[in-house]
Protein backbone atom coordinates (compact mmCIF):
# COMPACT_ATOMS: atom_id res chain seq x y z
CA MET A 1 79.43 64.59 127.30
CA SER A 2 78.86 63.65 123.67
CA THR A 3 76.26 61.04 122.82
CA SER A 4 79.04 58.81 121.50
CA ALA A 5 80.27 58.50 125.10
CA LEU A 6 76.95 57.35 126.50
CA SER A 7 77.02 54.14 128.49
CA VAL A 8 75.74 50.87 127.08
CA ASP A 9 73.41 48.71 129.15
CA PRO A 10 71.37 45.94 127.51
CA LEU A 11 68.84 46.25 130.34
CA TRP A 12 68.40 50.00 129.68
CA PRO A 13 67.78 50.37 125.93
CA ARG A 14 67.97 53.91 124.63
CA ALA A 15 65.41 55.79 122.57
CA GLY A 16 66.11 56.94 119.05
CA ASP A 17 67.80 55.26 116.09
CA TRP A 18 64.37 54.14 114.97
CA PRO A 19 63.85 52.14 111.77
CA ALA A 20 63.29 54.07 108.58
CA PHE A 21 59.69 54.82 107.75
CA ASP A 22 60.31 53.65 104.17
CA ALA A 23 61.14 50.19 105.52
CA LEU A 24 57.58 49.65 106.79
CA PRO A 25 56.12 46.51 105.22
CA GLU A 26 53.46 47.25 102.63
CA GLY A 27 50.04 47.62 104.18
CA GLU A 28 51.33 48.15 107.72
CA ARG A 29 51.31 51.32 109.83
CA ALA A 30 53.64 52.89 112.34
CA ASP A 31 52.34 53.99 115.72
CA LEU A 32 54.42 57.17 115.58
CA THR A 33 56.74 58.57 112.94
CA LEU A 34 59.25 61.39 113.25
CA LEU A 35 59.66 63.72 110.26
CA GLY A 36 62.10 66.63 110.13
CA ILE A 37 60.85 69.82 108.46
CA PRO A 38 63.76 72.20 109.17
CA THR A 39 62.27 75.52 108.07
CA TRP A 40 64.25 78.66 108.91
CA ARG A 41 64.72 80.98 105.93
CA THR A 42 61.65 83.18 106.58
CA SER A 43 62.14 83.55 110.33
CA LEU A 44 61.50 86.99 111.80
CA SER A 45 64.42 86.40 114.18
CA ALA A 46 67.90 85.19 113.31
CA THR A 47 67.83 81.44 113.81
CA GLY A 48 69.71 78.22 113.26
CA ALA A 49 66.55 76.16 113.70
CA HIS A 50 67.39 74.03 110.65
CA ALA A 51 69.99 72.31 112.86
CA THR A 52 67.38 71.14 115.36
CA PRO A 53 66.10 67.85 113.87
CA ALA A 54 69.60 66.35 113.95
CA ALA A 55 70.21 67.68 117.47
CA LEU A 56 66.89 66.29 118.67
CA ARG A 57 67.68 62.84 117.29
CA ALA A 58 70.97 62.90 119.18
CA ALA A 59 69.18 64.02 122.36
CA LEU A 60 66.74 61.11 122.11
CA ARG A 61 69.67 58.81 122.81
CA ARG A 62 69.87 60.24 126.33
CA TYR A 63 66.48 58.78 127.21
CA SER A 64 64.75 55.42 127.28
CA GLU A 65 61.32 54.55 125.90
CA HIS A 66 60.04 53.38 129.29
CA ALA A 67 57.01 55.15 130.79
CA ALA A 68 55.45 53.64 133.90
CA GLY A 69 52.23 51.80 133.14
CA LEU A 70 52.36 52.37 129.38
CA ALA A 71 53.65 50.04 126.68
CA VAL A 72 55.73 52.65 124.85
CA GLU A 73 58.53 50.13 124.32
CA GLY A 74 56.12 47.97 122.35
CA LEU A 75 55.17 50.68 119.86
CA ARG A 76 56.32 50.69 116.27
CA LEU A 77 58.30 53.94 116.07
CA THR A 78 59.84 55.01 112.77
CA ASP A 79 61.88 57.91 111.37
CA ALA A 80 61.11 59.42 107.97
CA GLY A 81 64.24 61.59 107.85
CA ASP A 82 64.23 65.26 106.89
CA VAL A 83 62.60 67.18 104.06
CA SER A 84 65.33 68.89 102.06
CA GLU A 85 65.08 72.70 101.91
CA PRO A 86 61.44 72.96 103.06
CA ASP A 87 61.25 76.76 102.74
CA GLY A 88 59.83 78.57 99.73
CA GLU A 89 56.99 77.48 97.48
CA GLU A 90 58.66 74.35 96.13
CA GLY A 91 60.10 73.36 99.49
CA GLU A 92 56.76 73.79 101.21
CA ALA A 93 55.12 71.61 98.56
CA ARG A 94 57.73 68.90 99.20
CA ALA A 95 57.15 69.13 102.95
CA THR A 96 53.38 68.93 102.55
CA ALA A 97 53.67 65.88 100.31
CA ALA A 98 56.09 64.18 102.71
CA MET A 99 53.82 64.85 105.66
CA ARG A 100 50.80 63.52 103.76
CA ALA A 101 52.62 60.29 102.87
CA VAL A 102 53.80 59.71 106.43
CA ALA A 103 50.49 60.60 108.09
CA ALA A 104 48.68 58.16 105.82
CA ARG A 105 50.64 55.29 107.36
CA SER A 106 51.17 56.45 110.95
CA ILE A 107 48.73 56.78 113.82
CA VAL A 108 50.52 59.97 114.87
CA THR A 109 53.18 61.91 112.98
CA VAL A 110 55.50 64.31 114.82
CA ALA A 111 57.03 66.95 112.57
CA VAL A 112 60.17 68.55 114.00
CA GLY A 113 61.26 72.02 112.95
CA GLY A 114 62.59 74.31 112.22
CA ASP A 115 60.79 77.53 112.96
CA ASN A 116 57.01 77.87 113.14
CA ALA A 117 56.75 78.09 109.36
CA LEU A 118 56.72 74.28 109.40
CA THR A 119 53.19 74.32 110.85
CA VAL A 120 51.67 75.11 107.45
CA PRO A 121 52.98 72.07 105.51
CA ALA A 122 52.80 69.85 108.59
CA ALA A 123 49.12 70.59 109.19
CA LEU A 124 48.07 70.66 105.54
CA GLY A 125 49.87 67.40 104.85
CA ALA A 126 48.30 65.68 107.84
CA TYR A 127 44.83 67.03 107.08
CA GLY A 128 44.95 65.84 103.48
CA SER A 129 41.46 66.03 102.02
CA ASP A 130 39.93 66.63 105.46
CA LEU A 131 40.81 70.34 105.73
CA GLY A 132 37.13 71.31 105.79
CA THR A 133 36.55 69.42 109.05
CA ALA A 134 40.02 69.80 110.57
CA GLY A 135 41.04 71.60 113.75
CA LEU A 136 44.17 73.22 115.17
CA ILE A 137 45.48 73.62 118.71
CA THR A 138 48.53 75.79 119.27
CA LEU A 139 50.65 76.01 122.40
CA ASP A 140 52.28 79.33 121.72
CA ALA A 141 53.05 82.69 123.28
CA HIS A 142 52.09 84.34 119.96
CA HIS A 143 49.03 84.47 117.72
CA ASP A 144 51.04 83.81 114.50
CA LEU A 145 48.52 85.83 112.47
CA ARG A 146 50.95 88.23 110.81
CA ASP A 147 50.70 89.20 107.16
CA GLY A 148 53.14 87.76 104.66
CA ILE A 149 54.99 84.45 104.81
CA SER A 150 57.16 83.89 107.86
CA ASN A 151 57.29 81.98 111.11
CA GLY A 152 54.85 84.60 112.40
CA SER A 153 52.09 83.80 109.90
CA PRO A 154 51.21 80.07 109.93
CA VAL A 155 47.82 80.35 111.64
CA ARG A 156 46.67 83.12 109.28
CA ARG A 157 47.88 81.10 106.28
CA LEU A 158 46.02 77.99 107.42
CA VAL A 159 42.81 79.99 107.79
CA GLU A 160 43.29 81.38 104.29
CA ALA A 161 43.81 77.81 103.06
CA GLY A 162 40.37 76.88 104.39
CA LEU A 163 40.77 76.00 108.08
CA ALA A 164 37.81 77.31 110.09
CA GLY A 165 38.79 79.87 112.72
CA GLU A 166 36.09 78.50 115.01
CA ARG A 167 38.07 75.23 115.23
CA ILE A 168 41.33 76.87 116.26
CA VAL A 169 42.38 77.06 119.91
CA GLN A 170 45.44 79.04 121.00
CA ILE A 171 46.79 78.23 124.46
CA GLY A 172 49.44 80.19 126.33
CA ILE A 173 49.15 83.51 124.50
CA ALA A 174 51.35 85.90 126.47
CA ASP A 175 51.04 89.53 127.43
CA PHE A 176 53.65 91.85 125.91
CA ALA A 177 54.34 89.32 123.13
CA ASN A 178 51.51 90.30 120.76
CA SER A 179 49.60 93.40 119.66
CA ALA A 180 46.07 94.77 119.85
CA ALA A 181 45.73 94.38 116.08
CA TYR A 182 46.49 90.67 116.11
CA THR A 183 44.34 90.09 119.18
CA ARG A 184 41.44 91.69 117.27
CA ARG A 185 42.25 89.56 114.25
CA ALA A 186 42.06 86.39 116.35
CA ALA A 187 38.69 87.48 117.74
CA ASP A 188 37.36 88.39 114.29
CA LEU A 189 38.34 84.94 113.00
CA GLY A 190 36.50 83.22 115.84
CA ILE A 191 39.67 81.74 117.35
CA THR A 192 39.44 80.58 120.97
CA VAL A 193 42.27 82.16 122.94
CA VAL A 194 43.41 80.91 126.34
CA THR A 195 45.96 83.34 127.74
CA ARG A 196 48.86 82.37 129.93
CA ASP A 197 47.27 84.00 132.97
CA ALA A 198 44.00 82.10 132.41
CA LEU A 199 45.88 78.82 132.84
CA HIS A 200 46.84 79.40 136.46
CA GLY A 201 45.07 76.89 138.67
CA ARG A 202 43.41 74.99 135.81
CA PRO A 203 44.18 71.27 135.44
CA TRP A 204 45.77 70.54 132.09
CA GLU A 205 43.35 67.67 131.59
CA ASP A 206 40.48 70.19 131.61
CA VAL A 207 42.28 72.67 129.36
CA MET A 208 43.06 70.05 126.73
CA ALA A 209 39.63 68.42 126.93
CA GLU A 210 38.04 71.79 126.17
CA ALA A 211 40.52 72.51 123.37
CA LEU A 212 39.94 69.12 121.76
CA GLU A 213 36.19 69.56 121.98
CA ILE A 214 36.44 72.85 120.08
CA ALA A 215 39.12 71.85 117.57
CA GLY A 216 37.51 68.47 116.98
CA ALA A 217 33.92 69.72 116.80
CA ALA A 218 33.56 68.56 113.20
CA ARG A 219 35.21 65.21 114.05
CA GLY A 220 37.98 65.91 111.60
CA PRO A 221 41.71 65.49 112.25
CA VAL A 222 43.35 67.82 114.77
CA HIS A 223 46.90 69.10 114.41
CA VAL A 224 48.73 70.31 117.52
CA ASP A 225 51.47 72.92 117.23
CA LEU A 226 53.90 72.80 120.14
CA ASP A 227 55.80 76.07 119.83
CA VAL A 228 58.39 75.64 122.56
CA ASP A 229 58.65 79.41 123.04
CA VAL A 230 55.43 79.10 125.06
CA CYS A 231 57.74 77.88 127.83
CA ASP A 232 59.55 79.97 130.39
CA ARG A 233 62.87 81.27 129.09
CA SER A 234 64.71 79.46 131.89
CA VAL A 235 63.76 76.11 130.33
CA ALA A 236 63.75 77.23 126.70
CA PRO A 237 66.73 79.55 126.15
CA GLY A 238 67.12 78.03 122.68
CA CYS A 239 63.85 79.64 121.57
CA PRO A 240 64.49 83.18 120.28
CA ALA A 241 61.09 84.49 121.42
CA SER A 242 60.61 82.68 124.75
CA VAL A 243 59.82 85.01 127.66
CA PRO A 244 60.16 84.83 131.44
CA GLY A 245 56.92 83.62 132.99
CA GLY A 246 55.99 81.06 130.35
CA LEU A 247 54.98 77.44 130.87
CA ALA A 248 57.08 75.04 132.88
CA ALA A 249 58.77 72.18 131.03
CA TRP A 250 56.53 69.63 132.75
CA GLU A 251 53.44 71.49 131.52
CA LEU A 252 54.38 71.29 127.86
CA ARG A 253 55.37 67.66 128.32
CA ARG A 254 51.96 66.98 129.85
CA VAL A 255 50.23 68.68 126.92
CA ALA A 256 52.16 66.57 124.39
CA ARG A 257 51.05 63.35 126.09
CA LEU A 258 47.43 64.45 126.48
CA ALA A 259 47.26 65.60 122.87
CA ALA A 260 48.67 62.42 121.37
CA GLY A 261 46.40 60.40 123.63
CA SER A 262 43.34 61.71 121.79
CA PRO A 263 42.13 59.73 118.75
CA LEU A 264 41.27 63.07 117.15
CA VAL A 265 44.93 64.07 116.97
CA ARG A 266 46.63 62.92 113.80
CA SER A 267 49.77 65.02 114.04
CA LEU A 268 51.91 67.35 116.13
CA ASP A 269 54.77 69.68 115.36
CA ILE A 270 57.60 70.91 117.54
CA ALA A 271 58.67 74.40 116.55
CA GLU A 272 60.97 77.35 117.24
CA VAL A 273 63.85 75.48 118.87
CA ASP A 274 67.21 76.80 117.66
CA ALA A 275 69.75 74.13 118.57
CA THR A 276 72.63 76.48 117.74
CA ALA A 277 71.47 79.01 120.37
CA ASP A 278 70.73 76.55 123.18
CA ALA A 279 72.30 76.61 126.63
CA ALA A 280 75.44 74.54 127.16
CA ASP A 281 73.41 71.83 128.88
CA GLU A 282 71.15 71.53 125.79
CA ARG A 283 68.04 71.96 127.93
CA THR A 284 65.82 73.22 125.09
CA VAL A 285 66.72 70.46 122.65
CA ARG A 286 66.41 67.86 125.40
CA LEU A 287 62.93 69.17 126.21
CA ALA A 288 62.00 68.92 122.53
CA ALA A 289 63.22 65.30 122.46
CA LEU A 290 61.11 64.53 125.50
CA LEU A 291 58.07 66.01 123.74
CA VAL A 292 58.49 63.32 121.07
CA LEU A 293 58.63 60.62 123.73
CA GLU A 294 55.64 62.12 125.55
CA ALA A 295 53.72 61.96 122.28
CA ALA A 296 54.66 58.29 122.01
CA ALA A 297 53.38 57.77 125.55
CA GLY A 298 50.15 59.44 124.52
CA VAL A 299 49.74 57.02 121.62
CA ALA A 300 50.39 54.13 124.01
CA SER A 301 47.74 55.46 126.37
CA ARG A 302 45.08 55.10 123.67
CA ALA A 303 45.20 51.34 124.18
CA SER A 304 45.49 51.38 127.97
């Protein structure tokens, strides 16, 4: 069923179709702003991830903004549109500048990719002048420490830009999805790694509290990278590198809410969803849309 055929019920308002960020009155802030950064040209795998921001916006219409016990419906939610051609040196500069402008006037900014290359401009833009005290949490099956410029290199590039390895936490790193060389590189950089197997039986509240303590040790802004390929392939078939045995959809949703609920977190990104390769029921894109709404619920929880 296309979104144009969705039912209309004045007592069940739908999410999405949020006011433009540029329409914010001068001097006022949004609670959460959506910004599309549809990177894809340097992907190590063939991808149509540049189609994802539009698909995610359409998927938002399938949901409401109601979350039990939280005033999500009362938040000021805005949409800053998409950065045009965010790949390459000039495109990355545009994306960084757009992210900086949005983050300056939003409590939380959610950047939607695109492949994982978006994490560099999304994080740098959100950090602004606070890079020296900033932190990073990734939910990812991969270390993303490769050489060069690609969707496999954002963490290494952020370290080279000045982000301290000791304030990086990588959660969900999977066996058979990395290499000994990159595992050594993570250790040498002082990165805290929480493997997929180490998560079994641990409450997510504890995992995220520990991650935020490490990433936010210098009390600077924390960026959270939600690489959806950390999820099990059954719930994320639209992620080229997702593997069987990854996180459940509810786990990544829980992480998004917990992350955005922390005052340390200034920004999140949603990466590696290829809307053109999704299952017929659009389960990956719909999960990504729910991550945006979970982040909004997290912002609402700050005041609860």
